[in-house]
Amino acid sequence: MRHLIDFGDLSRAEWESLYRRCSDIMDHPADFMDACRGKVMASLFYEPSTRTNFSFQTAMLRVGGTVFGFADPRSSSVAKGETLKDTIKMVSGYADVVVMRNPREGAAKAASLYSDVPIINAGDGGHMHPTQTTADLTTITRLRGGVDGLSVGLCGDLKNGRTVHSLIKALAKFDNVKFYLISPRELAIPAYMRAFMKERDLWNVEVTGLETVIPQLDVLYMTRIQRERFVDPLEYERNKGIYILTRQKLERARKDLLVMHPLPRVDEIAIDVDDDPRAVYFDQARFGMFARMALLTDLANQSRWRPSPVEIGTTPLCSNPNCITQTDPYLPPLVKQNGGVDCCAFCDKELG
């Protein structure tokens, strides 16, 4: 596990090994106080973050390591026009592991081509967020005892929800998971995720209403309608507040339902739900710290290596305006297959 760019790249066995270490850390934290002693984590957050940024920093400190980095690219040479490649080449010379959040889809994949140390994707635009998925799976496994056979409702902005995309890829590794995809039609899961689910014959149903399916769910994963992902402000106004979970709606849900949310929330979960024992989103945030501790004890202790030279690009193949190749045209023209269709290897968008 040299990098963690996409949770789909992990096998179920690798995840279960990571969870065992995470569980050991939760049960015996003192045994891991020096697991990363002398190691340094670079934290590069080109986009705002509370939980992911703070939990990664806390995780590294709790396993004995140290942290440097920025939470605002305007305070770095990025503001002077430094390319992602040059930033990563420089930072990976100082650190043992790099944690990066970037608003450009595929930025973590791009960084991995030039880094001398492991890259951890802490969110790349509306694409993927694999370490949030480690928090999500840790929460489900710790509180439900396992993941196989669960019915999972994913509710909100499924088009731009990187946490949702990563979680679907993770849950695909388990047996007999049913997916209830709850969203307005214009915020439904993107084509590359629909192709992923079809290729793996994952049971799923797309609906626009939460109330009709909530009695069937073991896990309800709420997400916010993400203002920052909308090009058209009117589209955001049409969709904001469309799903609001209340105590009244929970009356129809199972007694052992887990209500989860990657946070931050806006108005999609009413405040009075917080006191319901089924609301576990704050526990979920804490579990994320332990999951990241487990991840860092692995990746920060790996040996340095020099990546192989890559082709220098000139014109991006991808037409996605938010793809990293649009701003960094030197990136190689990499192609991957999703469901038998050629897609951009950075952002997963289908190539025209």
Protein backbone atom coordinates (compact mmCIF):
# COMPACT_ATOMS: atom_id res chain seq x y z
CA MET A 1 0.00 0.00 0.00
CA ARG A 2 2.30 2.75 -1.29
CA HIS A 3 -0.44 5.37 -1.66
CA LEU A 4 -4.09 5.67 -0.70
CA ILE A 5 -5.71 7.48 -3.62
CA ASP A 6 -8.92 5.49 -4.11
CA PHE A 7 -10.40 3.04 -1.61
CA GLY A 8 -11.28 0.82 -4.56
CA ASP A 9 -7.59 0.00 -4.90
CA LEU A 10 -7.62 -1.85 -1.54
CA SER A 11 -8.64 -5.47 -1.28
CA ARG A 12 -11.04 -6.60 1.42
CA ALA A 13 -8.16 -8.43 3.11
CA GLU A 14 -6.11 -5.21 3.20
CA TRP A 15 -9.03 -3.32 4.71
CA GLU A 16 -9.59 -6.01 7.34
CA SER A 17 -5.90 -5.91 8.27
CA LEU A 18 -6.13 -2.12 8.61
CA TYR A 19 -9.27 -2.41 10.73
CA ARG A 20 -7.63 -4.93 13.07
CA ARG A 21 -4.82 -2.44 13.68
CA CYS A 22 -7.39 0.34 14.16
CA SER A 23 -9.29 -1.78 16.67
CA ASP A 24 -6.06 -2.53 18.55
CA ILE A 25 -5.31 1.19 18.72
CA MET A 26 -8.79 1.95 20.08
CA ASP A 27 -8.47 -0.76 22.72
CA HIS A 28 -4.78 -0.25 23.62
CA PRO A 29 -3.72 3.28 22.55
CA ALA A 30 -0.65 3.32 24.81
CA ASP A 31 0.89 0.50 22.74
CA PHE A 32 1.08 2.80 19.70
CA MET A 33 2.40 6.01 21.25
CA ASP A 34 5.78 5.61 19.52
CA ALA A 35 4.65 3.85 16.33
CA CYS A 36 5.70 6.85 14.19
CA ARG A 37 8.38 8.30 16.45
CA GLY A 38 10.75 10.38 14.29
CA LYS A 39 8.38 10.42 11.30
CA VAL A 40 7.03 13.63 9.73
CA MET A 41 3.66 14.16 8.04
CA ALA A 42 3.12 16.95 5.51
CA SER A 43 -0.44 18.29 5.59
CA LEU A 44 -1.33 20.10 2.35
CA PHE A 45 -4.88 21.43 2.45
CA TYR A 46 -5.74 23.48 -0.62
CA GLU A 47 -9.38 23.46 0.47
CA PRO A 48 -11.10 24.15 3.83
CA SER A 49 -11.38 21.28 6.31
CA THR A 50 -12.08 20.77 9.99
CA ARG A 51 -12.42 17.05 10.78
CA THR A 52 -10.06 15.61 8.17
CA ASN A 53 -7.31 18.17 8.79
CA PHE A 54 -7.53 18.10 12.59
CA SER A 55 -7.97 14.34 12.85
CA PHE A 56 -4.93 13.66 10.65
CA GLN A 57 -2.79 16.05 12.67
CA THR A 58 -4.04 14.59 15.94
CA ALA A 59 -3.58 11.05 14.64
CA MET A 60 0.07 11.70 13.74
CA LEU A 61 0.77 13.33 17.11
CA ARG A 62 -0.88 10.45 18.99
CA VAL A 63 1.42 7.89 17.31
CA GLY A 64 4.52 9.94 18.10
CA GLY A 65 5.11 11.78 14.85
CA THR A 66 5.24 15.46 13.93
CA VAL A 67 3.38 17.60 11.39
CA PHE A 68 4.01 20.57 9.11
CA GLY A 69 2.05 22.04 6.23
CA PHE A 70 -0.57 24.61 5.28
CA ALA A 71 -4.33 24.96 5.58
CA ASP A 72 -4.47 27.83 3.08
CA PRO A 73 -2.54 27.62 -0.22
CA ARG A 74 -2.30 31.43 -0.27
CA SER A 75 0.30 31.13 2.49
CA SER A 76 2.52 28.91 0.30
CA SER A 77 4.33 29.20 -3.03
CA VAL A 78 1.17 27.97 -4.70
CA ALA A 79 0.13 31.62 -4.57
CA LYS A 80 3.20 32.43 -6.69
CA GLY A 81 2.20 29.92 -9.36
CA GLU A 82 4.13 26.84 -8.22
CA THR A 83 2.82 23.70 -9.93
CA LEU A 84 1.46 20.73 -8.04
CA LYS A 85 4.37 18.64 -9.33
CA ASP A 86 6.99 21.01 -7.93
CA THR A 87 5.20 21.37 -4.60
CA ILE A 88 5.02 17.59 -4.19
CA LYS A 89 8.64 17.02 -5.26
CA MET A 90 9.79 19.58 -2.70
CA VAL A 91 7.51 18.54 0.18
CA SER A 92 8.15 14.82 -0.27
CA GLY A 93 11.83 15.59 0.22
CA TYR A 94 11.03 16.81 3.74
CA ALA A 95 8.27 14.43 4.88
CA ASP A 96 7.70 10.69 5.31
CA VAL A 97 4.06 10.84 4.22
CA VAL A 98 1.93 13.51 2.50
CA VAL A 99 -1.75 14.09 3.26
CA MET A 100 -3.40 16.27 0.62
CA ARG A 101 -6.81 17.80 0.01
CA ASN A 102 -7.33 19.62 -3.27
CA PRO A 103 -10.44 20.98 -5.02
CA ARG A 104 -9.23 19.54 -8.34
CA GLU A 105 -10.45 16.02 -9.15
CA GLY A 106 -7.55 13.65 -9.69
CA ALA A 107 -5.04 15.85 -7.84
CA ALA A 108 -4.03 13.06 -5.45
CA LYS A 109 -3.42 10.68 -8.35
CA ALA A 110 -1.31 13.36 -10.03
CA ALA A 111 0.69 13.93 -6.83
CA SER A 112 1.42 10.21 -6.53
CA LEU A 113 3.28 10.27 -9.88
CA TYR A 114 5.96 12.60 -8.50
CA SER A 115 6.23 11.84 -4.78
CA ASP A 116 9.12 10.07 -3.07
CA VAL A 117 6.80 9.10 -0.18
CA PRO A 118 3.21 7.83 0.16
CA ILE A 119 0.39 10.19 -0.79
CA ILE A 120 -2.89 10.00 1.13
CA ASN A 121 -5.92 11.45 -0.62
CA ALA A 122 -7.83 13.58 1.91
CA GLY A 123 -10.38 14.57 -0.74
CA ASP A 124 -10.01 15.60 -4.39
CA GLY A 125 -12.89 17.83 -5.45
CA GLY A 126 -16.15 15.92 -5.82
CA HIS A 127 -14.30 12.74 -6.75
CA MET A 128 -13.04 10.57 -3.86
CA HIS A 129 -12.38 10.70 -0.11
CA PRO A 130 -10.94 7.30 0.90
CA THR A 131 -9.90 8.16 4.45
CA GLN A 132 -13.44 9.28 5.27
CA THR A 133 -14.40 5.81 4.11
CA THR A 134 -12.02 4.25 6.64
CA ALA A 135 -13.89 6.26 9.29
CA ASP A 136 -17.23 5.10 7.90
CA LEU A 137 -16.32 1.41 7.76
CA THR A 138 -14.73 1.56 11.20
CA THR A 139 -17.96 3.02 12.58
CA ILE A 140 -20.18 0.40 10.94
CA THR A 141 -17.93 -2.51 11.89
CA ARG A 142 -17.40 -1.34 15.46
CA LEU A 143 -21.10 -0.69 16.11
CA ARG A 144 -22.74 -3.38 13.96
CA GLY A 145 -20.09 -6.09 14.15
CA GLY A 146 -19.74 -6.33 10.37
CA VAL A 147 -20.81 -5.00 7.00
CA ASP A 148 -22.04 -8.01 5.01
CA GLY A 149 -25.77 -8.11 4.30
CA LEU A 150 -26.58 -4.53 5.30
CA SER A 151 -29.07 -2.22 3.61
CA VAL A 152 -27.46 1.19 3.24
CA GLY A 153 -29.23 4.42 2.32
CA LEU A 154 -27.08 7.17 0.79
CA CYS A 155 -28.98 10.44 0.90
CA GLY A 156 -28.33 13.92 -0.49
CA ASP A 157 -25.88 15.15 -3.11
CA LEU A 158 -24.73 11.88 -4.65
CA LYS A 159 -23.38 13.59 -7.78
CA ASN A 160 -20.72 15.68 -6.05
CA GLY A 161 -20.42 13.66 -2.83
CA ARG A 162 -16.88 12.29 -2.83
CA THR A 163 -17.56 10.53 0.49
CA VAL A 164 -20.46 8.68 -1.15
CA HIS A 165 -18.38 7.61 -4.16
CA SER A 166 -15.61 6.23 -1.93
CA LEU A 167 -18.09 4.46 0.35
CA ILE A 168 -19.82 2.73 -2.57
CA LYS A 169 -16.46 1.45 -3.78
CA ALA A 170 -15.68 0.17 -0.29
CA LEU A 171 -19.05 -1.48 0.31
CA ALA A 172 -18.74 -3.26 -3.04
CA LYS A 173 -16.07 -5.44 -1.41
CA PHE A 174 -18.62 -6.94 0.99
CA ASP A 175 -21.35 -9.51 0.40
CA ASN A 176 -25.04 -8.83 -0.22
CA VAL A 177 -25.01 -5.11 0.52
CA LYS A 178 -28.10 -3.30 -0.77
CA PHE A 179 -27.83 0.35 -1.86
CA TYR A 180 -30.71 2.81 -1.62
CA LEU A 181 -29.60 5.90 -3.57
CA ILE A 182 -31.71 8.84 -2.37
CA SER A 183 -31.26 12.11 -4.25
CA PRO A 184 -32.91 14.62 -6.56
CA ARG A 185 -32.55 13.47 -10.17
CA GLU A 186 -30.12 16.26 -11.00
CA LEU A 187 -27.87 15.20 -8.08
CA ALA A 188 -27.92 11.46 -8.78
CA ILE A 189 -24.69 9.44 -8.75
CA PRO A 190 -22.40 10.26 -11.69
CA ALA A 191 -22.10 8.03 -14.73
CA TYR A 192 -18.75 6.53 -13.73
CA MET A 193 -20.17 5.38 -10.39
CA ARG A 194 -23.29 3.99 -12.06
CA ALA A 195 -21.02 2.05 -14.45
CA PHE A 196 -19.00 0.79 -11.48
CA MET A 197 -22.12 -0.55 -9.77
CA LYS A 198 -23.48 -2.11 -12.95
CA GLU A 199 -20.18 -3.83 -13.73
CA ARG A 200 -20.20 -5.46 -10.28
CA ASP A 201 -23.91 -6.25 -10.34
CA LEU A 202 -24.51 -4.37 -7.07
CA TRP A 203 -28.12 -4.34 -5.87
CA ASN A 204 -29.34 -0.76 -5.95
CA VAL A 205 -32.43 1.35 -6.33
CA GLU A 206 -32.57 5.10 -7.04
CA VAL A 207 -35.35 7.04 -5.34
CA THR A 208 -36.13 10.70 -4.70
CA GLY A 209 -37.87 10.30 -1.33
CA LEU A 210 -36.32 9.39 2.04
CA GLU A 211 -39.50 8.56 3.96
CA THR A 212 -40.49 5.64 1.70
CA VAL A 213 -37.25 3.67 2.21
CA ILE A 214 -36.15 4.58 5.74
CA PRO A 215 -37.91 1.53 7.30
CA GLN A 216 -35.73 -0.81 5.19
CA LEU A 217 -32.36 0.67 6.21
CA ASP A 218 -29.65 -0.59 8.56
CA VAL A 219 -27.48 2.46 7.85
CA LEU A 220 -28.59 5.92 6.75
CA TYR A 221 -25.70 8.00 5.40
CA MET A 222 -26.83 11.61 5.18
CA THR A 223 -24.85 14.19 3.19
CA ARG A 224 -25.22 17.91 2.70
CA ILE A 225 -26.06 19.64 -0.55
CA GLN A 226 -22.63 21.10 -1.31
CA ARG A 227 -22.88 24.77 -2.25
CA GLU A 228 -19.20 24.92 -3.31
CA ARG A 229 -19.66 22.25 -6.02
CA PHE A 230 -22.40 24.10 -7.90
CA VAL A 231 -21.55 26.18 -10.96
CA ASP A 232 -25.11 27.48 -11.14
CA PRO A 233 -26.27 29.14 -7.87
CA LEU A 234 -29.89 28.66 -8.90
CA GLU A 235 -29.37 24.90 -9.04
CA TYR A 236 -28.12 25.00 -5.46
CA GLU A 237 -31.12 27.06 -4.35
CA ARG A 238 -33.48 24.53 -5.94
CA ASN A 239 -31.92 21.63 -4.04
CA LYS A 240 -30.87 22.98 -0.66
CA GLY A 241 -32.96 21.75 2.24
CA ILE A 242 -34.61 19.05 0.13
CA TYR A 243 -33.79 16.31 2.67
CA ILE A 244 -34.05 17.03 6.38
CA LEU A 245 -33.91 14.15 8.86
CA THR A 246 -36.07 14.80 11.93
CA ARG A 247 -37.04 12.86 15.06
CA GLN A 248 -40.48 12.38 13.53
CA LYS A 249 -39.06 10.69 10.42
CA LEU A 250 -36.90 8.45 12.61
CA GLU A 251 -40.04 7.02 14.22
CA ARG A 252 -40.45 4.85 11.11
CA ALA A 253 -36.84 3.62 11.21
CA ARG A 254 -35.41 0.49 12.77
CA LYS A 255 -34.37 0.63 16.41
CA ASP A 256 -30.80 -0.37 15.54
CA LEU A 257 -30.40 1.99 12.57
CA LEU A 258 -27.09 3.87 12.37
CA VAL A 259 -27.50 7.50 11.30
CA MET A 260 -24.19 8.64 9.86
CA HIS A 261 -22.90 11.84 8.27
CA PRO A 262 -19.37 12.77 7.11
CA LEU A 263 -19.97 16.33 8.43
CA PRO A 264 -20.17 19.28 8.32
CA ARG A 265 -23.95 19.36 8.31
CA VAL A 266 -25.99 22.37 7.33
CA ASP A 267 -29.71 21.69 7.78
CA GLU A 268 -30.05 18.07 6.62
CA ILE A 269 -30.14 16.65 10.17
CA ALA A 270 -32.24 18.48 12.73
CA ILE A 271 -30.46 19.32 16.00
CA ASP A 272 -32.93 17.26 18.04
CA VAL A 273 -31.73 14.10 16.28
CA ASP A 274 -28.36 14.44 18.06
CA ASP A 275 -29.78 12.95 21.26
CA ASP A 276 -31.21 9.89 19.53
CA PRO A 277 -28.98 6.84 20.30
CA ARG A 278 -29.06 5.97 16.61
CA ALA A 279 -27.22 9.19 15.72
CA VAL A 280 -23.54 8.20 15.57
CA TYR A 281 -21.99 10.92 13.41
CA PHE A 282 -19.93 12.45 16.21
CA ASP A 283 -18.68 8.98 17.18
CA GLN A 284 -17.93 8.50 13.48
CA ALA A 285 -15.69 11.59 13.52
CA ARG A 286 -13.75 10.24 16.51
CA PHE A 287 -13.43 6.78 14.94
CA GLY A 288 -11.92 8.52 11.93
CA MET A 289 -8.98 9.65 14.05
CA PHE A 290 -8.24 6.05 15.07
CA ALA A 291 -8.57 4.84 11.47
CA ARG A 292 -6.07 7.49 10.37
CA MET A 293 -3.71 6.50 13.18
CA ALA A 294 -3.77 2.95 11.83
CA LEU A 295 -3.17 4.17 8.28
CA LEU A 296 -0.24 6.39 9.29
CA THR A 297 1.50 3.64 11.25
CA ASP A 298 1.66 1.75 7.97
CA LEU A 299 2.37 4.40 5.34
CA ALA A 300 4.65 6.75 7.34
CA ASN A 301 6.96 3.84 8.09
CA GLN A 302 7.43 2.76 4.48
CA SER A 303 10.77 3.26 2.75
CA ARG A 304 11.38 6.21 0.48
CA TRP A 305 11.64 5.59 -3.25
CA ARG A 306 12.15 7.65 -6.37
CA PRO A 307 9.21 7.39 -8.80
CA SER A 308 9.84 6.46 -12.41
CA PRO A 309 9.84 9.27 -14.98
CA VAL A 310 6.45 9.89 -16.57
CA GLU A 311 5.46 11.20 -19.97
CA ILE A 312 5.15 14.97 -20.24
CA GLY A 313 1.70 15.90 -21.50
CA THR A 314 0.78 18.84 -23.71
CA THR A 315 -3.01 18.79 -24.16
CA PRO A 316 -5.39 17.17 -21.64
CA LEU A 317 -7.53 14.31 -22.94
CA CYS A 318 -10.18 14.96 -20.33
CA SER A 319 -12.92 17.53 -20.88
CA ASN A 320 -14.01 17.66 -17.22
CA PRO A 321 -13.49 21.34 -16.29
CA ASN A 322 -12.63 20.40 -12.69
CA CYS A 323 -10.05 17.73 -13.61
CA ILE A 324 -6.48 18.41 -12.48
CA THR A 325 -5.33 17.98 -16.09
CA GLN A 326 -7.11 21.21 -17.01
CA THR A 327 -4.81 23.29 -14.81
CA ASP A 328 -1.68 21.08 -15.00
CA PRO A 329 -1.37 20.14 -18.69
CA TYR A 330 2.10 18.62 -18.19
CA LEU A 331 0.40 15.54 -16.68
CA PRO A 332 0.61 12.39 -18.81
CA PRO A 333 -2.49 11.42 -20.84
CA LEU A 334 -3.49 8.44 -18.68
CA VAL A 335 -6.56 6.33 -19.52
CA LYS A 336 -8.34 3.66 -17.47
CA GLN A 337 -11.32 1.39 -18.05
CA ASN A 338 -14.54 1.79 -16.05
CA GLY A 339 -17.23 -0.68 -17.01
CA GLY A 340 -15.55 -1.28 -20.37
CA VAL A 341 -15.46 2.45 -21.16
CA ASP A 342 -12.33 4.58 -21.56
CA CYS A 343 -12.12 7.13 -18.75
CA CYS A 344 -9.66 9.69 -17.48
CA ALA A 345 -7.32 7.93 -15.06
CA PHE A 346 -7.22 11.03 -12.85
CA CYS A 347 -10.91 11.96 -12.38
CA ASP A 348 -12.73 8.86 -13.77
CA LYS A 349 -14.83 10.89 -16.20
CA GLU A 350 -15.74 9.17 -19.47
CA LEU A 351 -13.61 10.31 -22.39
CA GLY A 352 -15.54 11.66 -25.35
